Amino acid sequence: MMGTFWFLLIIGIRPILSLTEADLKRSLLSSAVYDPSVRPRINASHAVHVQLDVQVVYIIGLTERDSSFAQACNIFVSWRDEYLTWNTSDYGDLDSFVVQPSVVWTPDVSVYGRMEINQRIELGQVRVNSDGMVNTKFLGILATHCAMDSEFFPFDYQLCTFIIGSEIYFTSEVAMEIKSLRQLESCKNNPNWNLVHVRKNPKPPFWQVQYCFQRRSLYLAVLYMVPTFMHAVLILISYIVPSEAGEKISFGVSLFLSFMVFLLQLNGDLPEMSTAVPALEIFFMLHMTSGVVSLVVSAISAYITHNNSQQTVSVNKVKDVSTAATNEKRRFPNVRQRFRDTSFLNRAGFVVSLSLILAANFIMFNAKLKSSGCTQ
């Protein structure tokens, strides 16, 4: 008899245990007692306080051409639902259950500035606790608009901002607050950008999240700046080549063509915007201009040398040295003769090319100094 009693007792308990959560959901979420479209406040004048915990997982990158910023992040959302409370002892000490977000009321957490039509983020499954606290989260990729400033490229800092708030409710109805803002160690693994800091800034009725990025410039410096320095040295050396040598012009043309190859490569990395000219582009164009000056001087010098060789040398009477020196002191130098002198042209071209190269280096040094952080 005792064995039959315990057998029947166990058989009777199992259906009770399996139906406890189902009974709880039916009693709380029945359409007769709960409306998911109504704010979960017994007193309608009270606001629903929604707390957000933003966790930055990984920085995918910034795209200058689209002015966009993509990140993998977690947004944990919690609030209190006054209609979803129960006594745990009445339901076998069940203190929480999980339902779909469409079954209960959820706040419309919207991220303004998303690169999508729908600004509202899709929340995952909802966990309801016995005290009425409801928790859910957003896990995924968040792509938002970011106004890029390329003035100090490639030593630039970028400040990307997006706003979190509610599209439907007023602050008197739903009050959102970013409780915490964290960044994981994986954020530092981006090869092109270094996340300097993430800050929250309340802008009632919204919250503003600011990301400060520093570009890792090692790749661009090695790819463009170092070869450009080498080209600058070759441009200055080209002035040493005698004007009579026909290879001087071909040497300058080869340098100019190599600049064009770098320009095509640079076009794929430079941001396409007209608000500011990147410092790297100015640096590159000044070096390219110095090469053009070298090529023009070489062509003019070759032309002058060729014409001088075609002219016949006429024998003039020997002038008195003292008289010639006196006349030379009295008159100004002949500018035309100066420009017909190839050595003078080479010296002038060398000074102009060197000045352009120094100006280009000064611009990059100035960009490195001025780009010291994010500005609003």
Protein backbone atom coordinates (compact mmCIF):
# COMPACT_ATOMS: atom_id res chain seq x y z
CA MET A 1 0.00 0.00 0.00
CA MET A 2 2.80 2.43 0.86
CA GLY A 3 4.53 1.78 -2.49
CA THR A 4 1.31 2.44 -4.36
CA PHE A 5 0.84 5.67 -2.39
CA TRP A 6 4.29 7.01 -3.24
CA PHE A 7 3.89 5.97 -6.88
CA LEU A 8 0.60 7.81 -7.17
CA LEU A 9 2.11 10.80 -5.36
CA ILE A 10 5.01 11.02 -7.79
CA ILE A 11 2.71 10.58 -10.78
CA GLY A 12 0.55 13.42 -9.44
CA ILE A 13 3.44 15.82 -8.74
CA ARG A 14 5.01 15.63 -12.20
CA PRO A 15 2.13 17.21 -14.08
CA ILE A 16 1.92 19.88 -11.38
CA LEU A 17 5.61 20.75 -11.78
CA SER A 18 5.39 20.82 -15.57
CA LEU A 19 2.35 23.09 -15.50
CA THR A 20 3.57 25.56 -12.90
CA GLU A 21 5.25 27.92 -15.36
CA ALA A 22 2.45 27.52 -17.88
CA ASP A 23 -0.14 28.34 -15.23
CA LEU A 24 1.87 31.37 -14.17
CA LYS A 25 2.03 32.67 -17.72
CA ARG A 26 -1.68 32.11 -18.24
CA SER A 27 -2.55 33.94 -15.04
CA LEU A 28 -0.26 36.92 -15.78
CA LEU A 29 -0.33 37.24 -19.55
CA SER A 30 -3.92 36.42 -20.28
CA SER A 31 -5.50 38.92 -22.67
CA ALA A 32 -8.22 39.49 -20.10
CA VAL A 33 -5.75 40.88 -17.51
CA TYR A 34 -2.71 42.08 -19.51
CA ASP A 35 -2.37 44.34 -22.54
CA PRO A 36 1.18 44.54 -23.97
CA SER A 37 0.41 47.90 -25.60
CA VAL A 38 -0.28 49.62 -22.26
CA ARG A 39 2.54 51.05 -20.17
CA PRO A 40 3.12 48.80 -17.12
CA ARG A 41 2.08 51.34 -14.52
CA ILE A 42 -0.92 51.04 -12.22
CA ASN A 43 -0.88 54.82 -11.85
CA ALA A 44 -0.78 56.14 -15.41
CA SER A 45 0.82 59.41 -14.28
CA HIS A 46 4.00 57.61 -13.23
CA ALA A 47 6.83 57.17 -15.74
CA VAL A 48 8.46 53.89 -16.63
CA HIS A 49 12.16 54.13 -15.81
CA VAL A 50 14.20 52.21 -18.35
CA GLN A 51 17.85 51.53 -17.59
CA LEU A 52 20.36 50.82 -20.36
CA ASP A 53 23.76 49.17 -20.07
CA VAL A 54 25.81 49.66 -23.24
CA GLN A 55 28.70 47.27 -23.78
CA VAL A 56 31.03 47.83 -26.73
CA VAL A 57 32.29 44.44 -27.92
CA TYR A 58 34.27 45.17 -31.09
CA ILE A 59 34.91 48.11 -33.41
CA ILE A 60 34.34 46.95 -36.96
CA GLY A 61 35.57 50.18 -38.49
CA LEU A 62 34.88 53.63 -39.85
CA THR A 63 34.12 54.20 -43.53
CA GLU A 64 35.08 57.66 -44.76
CA ARG A 65 33.30 57.31 -48.08
CA ASP A 66 29.95 56.55 -46.43
CA SER A 67 30.62 58.56 -43.24
CA SER A 68 29.53 55.54 -41.21
CA PHE A 69 30.70 53.80 -38.05
CA ALA A 70 30.01 50.11 -37.40
CA GLN A 71 30.38 48.30 -34.11
CA ALA A 72 29.35 45.06 -32.46
CA CYS A 73 27.68 45.93 -29.18
CA ASN A 74 25.39 44.68 -26.45
CA ILE A 75 22.62 46.88 -25.06
CA PHE A 76 21.04 45.48 -21.91
CA VAL A 77 17.60 46.92 -21.16
CA SER A 78 15.72 46.61 -17.86
CA TRP A 79 12.54 48.13 -16.39
CA ARG A 80 9.87 47.29 -13.84
CA ASP A 81 6.47 45.95 -14.89
CA GLU A 82 3.97 46.44 -12.07
CA TYR A 83 1.53 43.97 -13.63
CA LEU A 84 4.00 41.09 -13.75
CA THR A 85 4.55 40.23 -10.08
CA TRP A 86 3.75 37.04 -8.18
CA ASN A 87 4.46 35.12 -5.02
CA THR A 88 7.14 32.54 -5.74
CA SER A 89 5.89 30.16 -3.04
CA ASP A 90 2.61 29.77 -4.90
CA TYR A 91 4.39 28.48 -8.00
CA GLY A 92 6.98 26.08 -6.69
CA ASP A 93 9.57 28.81 -5.93
CA LEU A 94 9.62 29.86 -9.57
CA ASP A 95 11.20 33.31 -9.55
CA SER A 96 11.43 34.06 -13.31
CA PHE A 97 10.38 32.95 -16.76
CA VAL A 98 11.24 33.80 -20.39
CA VAL A 99 8.80 34.97 -23.05
CA GLN A 100 8.92 36.57 -26.47
CA PRO A 101 9.15 40.39 -26.52
CA SER A 102 5.83 40.66 -28.35
CA VAL A 103 3.98 39.10 -25.40
CA VAL A 104 4.86 41.82 -22.86
CA TRP A 105 5.26 45.58 -23.01
CA THR A 106 8.74 46.64 -24.20
CA PRO A 107 10.16 50.16 -24.54
CA ASP A 108 10.92 51.46 -28.01
CA VAL A 109 14.67 51.90 -27.65
CA SER A 110 15.70 53.87 -30.73
CA VAL A 111 19.21 54.73 -31.88
CA TYR A 112 19.05 57.92 -33.92
CA GLY A 113 21.49 58.15 -36.79
CA ARG A 114 21.42 54.48 -37.79
CA MET A 115 22.25 53.63 -41.40
CA GLU A 116 18.85 51.92 -41.67
CA ILE A 117 15.31 53.11 -42.17
CA ASN A 118 14.12 51.66 -38.87
CA GLN A 119 15.83 53.49 -36.00
CA ARG A 120 14.40 51.14 -33.38
CA ILE A 121 16.59 48.24 -32.27
CA GLU A 122 15.16 44.73 -32.15
CA LEU A 123 15.18 43.33 -28.63
CA GLY A 124 15.73 39.66 -27.85
CA GLN A 125 13.80 37.35 -25.55
CA VAL A 126 12.55 38.84 -22.30
CA ARG A 127 13.14 37.47 -18.80
CA VAL A 128 10.49 38.44 -16.24
CA ASN A 129 11.33 38.25 -12.51
CA SER A 130 8.90 37.77 -9.65
CA ASP A 131 9.44 41.32 -8.38
CA GLY A 132 8.34 42.76 -11.73
CA MET A 133 11.84 43.49 -13.10
CA VAL A 134 12.02 42.75 -16.81
CA ASN A 135 15.36 42.25 -18.59
CA THR A 136 16.19 41.94 -22.25
CA LYS A 137 19.07 42.85 -24.53
CA PHE A 138 20.16 43.73 -28.04
CA LEU A 139 23.07 41.75 -29.47
CA GLY A 140 24.30 42.60 -32.93
CA ILE A 141 25.96 45.06 -35.25
CA LEU A 142 25.04 48.71 -34.97
CA ALA A 143 25.96 50.93 -37.93
CA THR A 144 25.45 54.66 -37.37
CA HIS A 145 26.29 57.89 -39.17
CA CYS A 146 29.56 59.58 -38.23
CA ALA A 147 30.59 63.03 -39.43
CA MET A 148 34.21 62.60 -40.51
CA ASP A 149 36.86 65.30 -40.34
CA SER A 150 39.79 64.53 -42.66
CA GLU A 151 41.82 67.71 -42.18
CA PHE A 152 44.66 65.98 -40.29
CA PHE A 153 44.52 62.67 -42.18
CA PRO A 154 46.34 60.29 -41.50
CA PHE A 155 47.01 61.60 -37.96
CA ASP A 156 43.34 62.36 -37.36
CA TYR A 157 40.96 61.73 -34.49
CA GLN A 158 37.30 61.06 -35.21
CA LEU A 159 34.41 61.77 -32.86
CA CYS A 160 31.39 59.58 -33.61
CA THR A 161 28.12 60.20 -31.80
CA PHE A 162 24.74 58.54 -31.72
CA ILE A 163 21.65 59.30 -29.65
CA ILE A 164 19.49 56.83 -27.73
CA GLY A 165 15.92 57.65 -26.84
CA SER A 166 12.27 56.89 -27.40
CA GLU A 167 10.47 57.80 -30.60
CA ILE A 168 6.92 57.39 -29.26
CA TYR A 169 6.81 58.23 -25.56
CA PHE A 170 7.50 61.48 -23.75
CA THR A 171 9.93 61.61 -20.83
CA SER A 172 6.95 61.88 -18.49
CA GLU A 173 5.85 58.46 -19.78
CA VAL A 174 9.14 56.64 -20.40
CA ALA A 175 12.37 57.92 -18.86
CA MET A 176 15.50 56.27 -20.29
CA GLU A 177 18.87 56.39 -18.60
CA ILE A 178 22.21 54.92 -19.59
CA LYS A 179 23.31 53.35 -16.33
CA SER A 180 26.73 52.12 -17.48
CA LEU A 181 28.95 52.29 -20.53
CA ARG A 182 31.73 49.71 -20.88
CA GLN A 183 34.23 48.67 -23.51
CA LEU A 184 35.73 45.20 -23.70
CA GLU A 185 39.38 44.40 -24.39
CA SER A 186 38.40 43.18 -27.85
CA CYS A 187 37.78 46.83 -28.82
CA LYS A 188 41.55 47.32 -29.00
CA ASN A 189 41.96 44.68 -31.70
CA ASN A 190 40.92 46.86 -34.61
CA PRO A 191 43.97 47.20 -36.92
CA ASN A 192 43.10 50.69 -38.21
CA TRP A 193 41.48 52.48 -35.28
CA ASN A 194 42.24 52.87 -31.60
CA LEU A 195 39.24 53.54 -29.36
CA VAL A 196 40.45 56.29 -27.04
CA HIS A 197 37.33 56.60 -24.89
CA VAL A 198 33.57 56.12 -24.82
CA ARG A 199 31.46 58.64 -22.93
CA LYS A 200 27.80 59.18 -22.20
CA ASN A 201 26.30 62.62 -22.23
CA PRO A 202 22.71 63.33 -21.15
CA LYS A 203 20.82 65.49 -23.63
CA PRO A 204 17.25 65.48 -22.31
CA PRO A 205 15.07 63.86 -23.43
CA PHE A 206 17.77 61.70 -25.03
CA TRP A 207 21.16 60.29 -24.17
CA GLN A 208 24.21 60.88 -26.28
CA VAL A 209 27.00 58.30 -26.64
CA GLN A 210 30.35 59.60 -27.91
CA TYR A 211 33.16 57.48 -29.33
CA CYS A 212 36.62 58.97 -29.76
CA PHE A 213 38.83 57.17 -32.29
CA GLN A 214 42.47 57.64 -33.17
CA ARG A 215 43.64 56.41 -36.54
CA ARG A 216 46.57 54.00 -36.52
CA SER A 217 48.81 55.74 -39.07
CA LEU A 218 51.69 53.26 -39.28
CA TYR A 219 50.37 51.53 -42.41
CA LEU A 220 49.79 54.78 -44.32
CA ALA A 221 53.11 56.23 -43.19
CA VAL A 222 55.07 53.23 -44.43
CA LEU A 223 53.05 52.92 -47.63
CA TYR A 224 53.10 56.58 -48.72
CA MET A 225 55.32 58.85 -46.64
CA VAL A 226 58.53 56.80 -46.68
CA PRO A 227 58.53 56.30 -50.50
CA THR A 228 57.67 59.97 -50.96
CA PHE A 229 60.72 60.94 -48.89
CA MET A 230 62.82 58.73 -51.17
CA HIS A 231 61.35 60.45 -54.23
CA ALA A 232 62.18 63.82 -52.69
CA VAL A 233 65.83 62.79 -52.35
CA LEU A 234 65.90 61.67 -56.00
CA ILE A 235 64.31 64.95 -57.12
CA LEU A 236 67.05 66.95 -55.39
CA ILE A 237 69.73 64.67 -56.82
CA SER A 238 68.36 65.25 -60.33
CA TYR A 239 69.73 68.80 -60.21
CA ILE A 240 73.26 67.38 -60.02
CA VAL A 241 72.89 65.62 -63.36
CA PRO A 242 74.50 67.80 -66.10
CA SER A 243 72.14 69.58 -68.46
CA GLU A 244 73.95 68.10 -71.44
CA ALA A 245 72.95 64.57 -70.38
CA GLY A 246 69.84 63.45 -72.20
CA GLU A 247 68.97 61.09 -69.36
CA LYS A 248 68.10 64.02 -67.09
CA ILE A 249 64.67 64.57 -68.66
CA SER A 250 63.90 60.85 -68.82
CA PHE A 251 64.92 60.61 -65.17
CA GLY A 252 62.46 63.39 -64.24
CA VAL A 253 59.68 61.82 -66.30
CA SER A 254 60.23 58.49 -64.55
CA LEU A 255 59.92 60.19 -61.16
CA PHE A 256 56.73 61.93 -62.26
CA LEU A 257 55.20 58.67 -63.50
CA SER A 258 56.02 56.98 -60.21
CA PHE A 259 54.18 59.82 -58.46
CA MET A 260 51.16 59.13 -60.66
CA VAL A 261 51.21 55.46 -59.62
CA PHE A 262 51.23 56.50 -55.97
CA LEU A 263 48.41 58.95 -56.67
CA LEU A 264 46.22 56.17 -58.06
CA GLN A 265 46.92 54.07 -54.98
CA LEU A 266 46.31 57.03 -52.69
CA ASN A 267 42.94 57.68 -54.31
CA GLY A 268 41.61 54.46 -52.82
CA ASP A 269 42.60 55.42 -49.26
CA LEU A 270 41.80 59.12 -49.15
CA PRO A 271 38.34 60.12 -47.88
CA GLU A 272 36.09 61.53 -50.59
CA MET A 273 34.88 64.80 -49.08
CA SER A 274 35.18 68.47 -49.93
CA THR A 275 34.88 69.94 -46.44
CA ALA A 276 38.66 69.82 -45.91
CA VAL A 277 41.78 68.83 -47.83
CA PRO A 278 43.63 66.00 -46.05
CA ALA A 279 47.14 66.78 -44.86
CA LEU A 280 48.50 63.69 -46.62
CA GLU A 281 47.09 64.89 -49.93
CA ILE A 282 48.71 68.33 -49.50
CA PHE A 283 51.97 66.61 -48.56
CA PHE A 284 51.83 64.43 -51.64
CA MET A 285 50.86 67.25 -54.04
CA LEU A 286 53.69 69.51 -52.82
CA HIS A 287 56.22 66.73 -53.41
CA MET A 288 54.66 66.15 -56.82
CA THR A 289 54.93 69.86 -57.60
CA SER A 290 58.62 69.81 -56.68
CA GLY A 291 59.07 67.00 -59.20
CA VAL A 292 57.28 69.06 -61.86
CA VAL A 293 59.60 72.01 -61.13
CA SER A 294 62.61 69.73 -61.53
CA LEU A 295 61.28 68.42 -64.84
CA VAL A 296 60.55 71.94 -66.17
CA VAL A 297 64.01 73.19 -65.18
CA SER A 298 65.60 70.17 -66.84
CA ALA A 299 63.67 70.79 -70.07
CA ILE A 300 64.58 74.51 -70.17
CA SER A 301 68.23 73.77 -69.39
CA ALA A 302 68.36 71.17 -72.16
CA TYR A 303 66.80 73.65 -74.58
CA ILE A 304 69.32 76.38 -73.69
CA THR A 305 72.24 73.98 -73.94
CA HIS A 306 71.07 72.75 -77.33
CA ASN A 307 70.67 76.30 -78.69
CA ASN A 308 74.08 77.38 -77.42
CA SER A 309 75.72 74.49 -79.21
CA GLN A 310 74.07 75.54 -82.50
CA GLN A 311 75.35 79.08 -82.38
CA THR A 312 78.69 80.07 -83.87
CA VAL A 313 81.22 81.62 -81.63
CA SER A 314 82.21 85.09 -82.89
CA VAL A 315 85.59 86.46 -82.04
CA ASN A 316 85.36 89.82 -80.40
CA LYS A 317 88.06 92.25 -79.58
CA VAL A 318 89.54 91.92 -76.17
CA LYS A 319 88.21 94.61 -73.90
CA ASP A 320 90.17 96.29 -71.29
CA VAL A 321 89.64 94.48 -68.01
CA SER A 322 89.45 97.57 -65.91
CA THR A 323 86.91 99.18 -68.25
CA ALA A 324 84.75 96.05 -68.31
CA ALA A 325 84.80 95.79 -64.53
CA THR A 326 83.84 99.46 -64.18
CA ASN A 327 80.94 99.10 -66.60
CA GLU A 328 79.82 95.92 -64.87
CA LYS A 329 79.60 97.73 -61.56
CA ARG A 330 77.59 100.57 -63.03
CA ARG A 331 74.89 98.51 -64.71
CA PHE A 332 72.41 96.07 -63.26
CA PRO A 333 72.76 92.35 -64.04
CA ASN A 334 71.10 91.26 -67.25
CA VAL A 335 68.08 89.18 -66.19
CA ARG A 336 67.78 87.58 -69.61
CA GLN A 337 71.37 86.42 -69.49
CA ARG A 338 70.84 85.06 -66.01
CA PHE A 339 67.95 82.90 -67.22
CA ARG A 340 70.05 81.76 -70.16
CA ASP A 341 72.58 80.43 -67.68
CA THR A 342 71.77 76.80 -66.92
CA SER A 343 73.67 76.84 -63.62
CA PHE A 344 71.47 79.69 -62.37
CA LEU A 345 68.31 77.82 -63.40
CA ASN A 346 69.49 74.69 -61.62
CA ARG A 347 70.21 76.61 -58.45
CA ALA A 348 66.85 78.39 -58.58
CA GLY A 349 65.01 75.13 -59.29
CA PHE A 350 66.85 73.39 -56.46
CA VAL A 351 65.81 76.13 -54.02
CA VAL A 352 62.16 76.00 -55.16
CA SER A 353 62.01 72.19 -54.97
CA LEU A 354 63.67 72.14 -51.57
CA SER A 355 61.25 74.80 -50.30
CA LEU A 356 58.25 72.76 -51.48
CA ILE A 357 59.59 69.60 -49.85
CA LEU A 358 60.23 71.40 -46.56
CA ALA A 359 56.74 72.94 -46.70
CA ALA A 360 55.23 69.48 -47.24
CA ASN A 361 57.11 68.07 -44.26
CA PHE A 362 56.07 71.04 -42.14
CA ILE A 363 52.42 70.44 -43.00
CA MET A 364 52.63 66.80 -41.88
CA PHE A 365 54.47 67.79 -38.69
CA ASN A 366 51.87 70.47 -37.99
CA ALA A 367 49.05 67.96 -38.58
CA LYS A 368 50.67 65.57 -36.09
CA LEU A 369 50.90 68.31 -33.45
CA LYS A 370 47.45 69.82 -33.92
CA SER A 371 45.62 66.52 -34.05
CA SER A 372 45.79 65.83 -30.33
CA GLY A 373 42.29 64.63 -29.51
CA CYS A 374 38.60 64.65 -30.31
CA THR A 375 36.80 67.96 -30.59
CA GLN A 376 33.06 68.54 -30.38
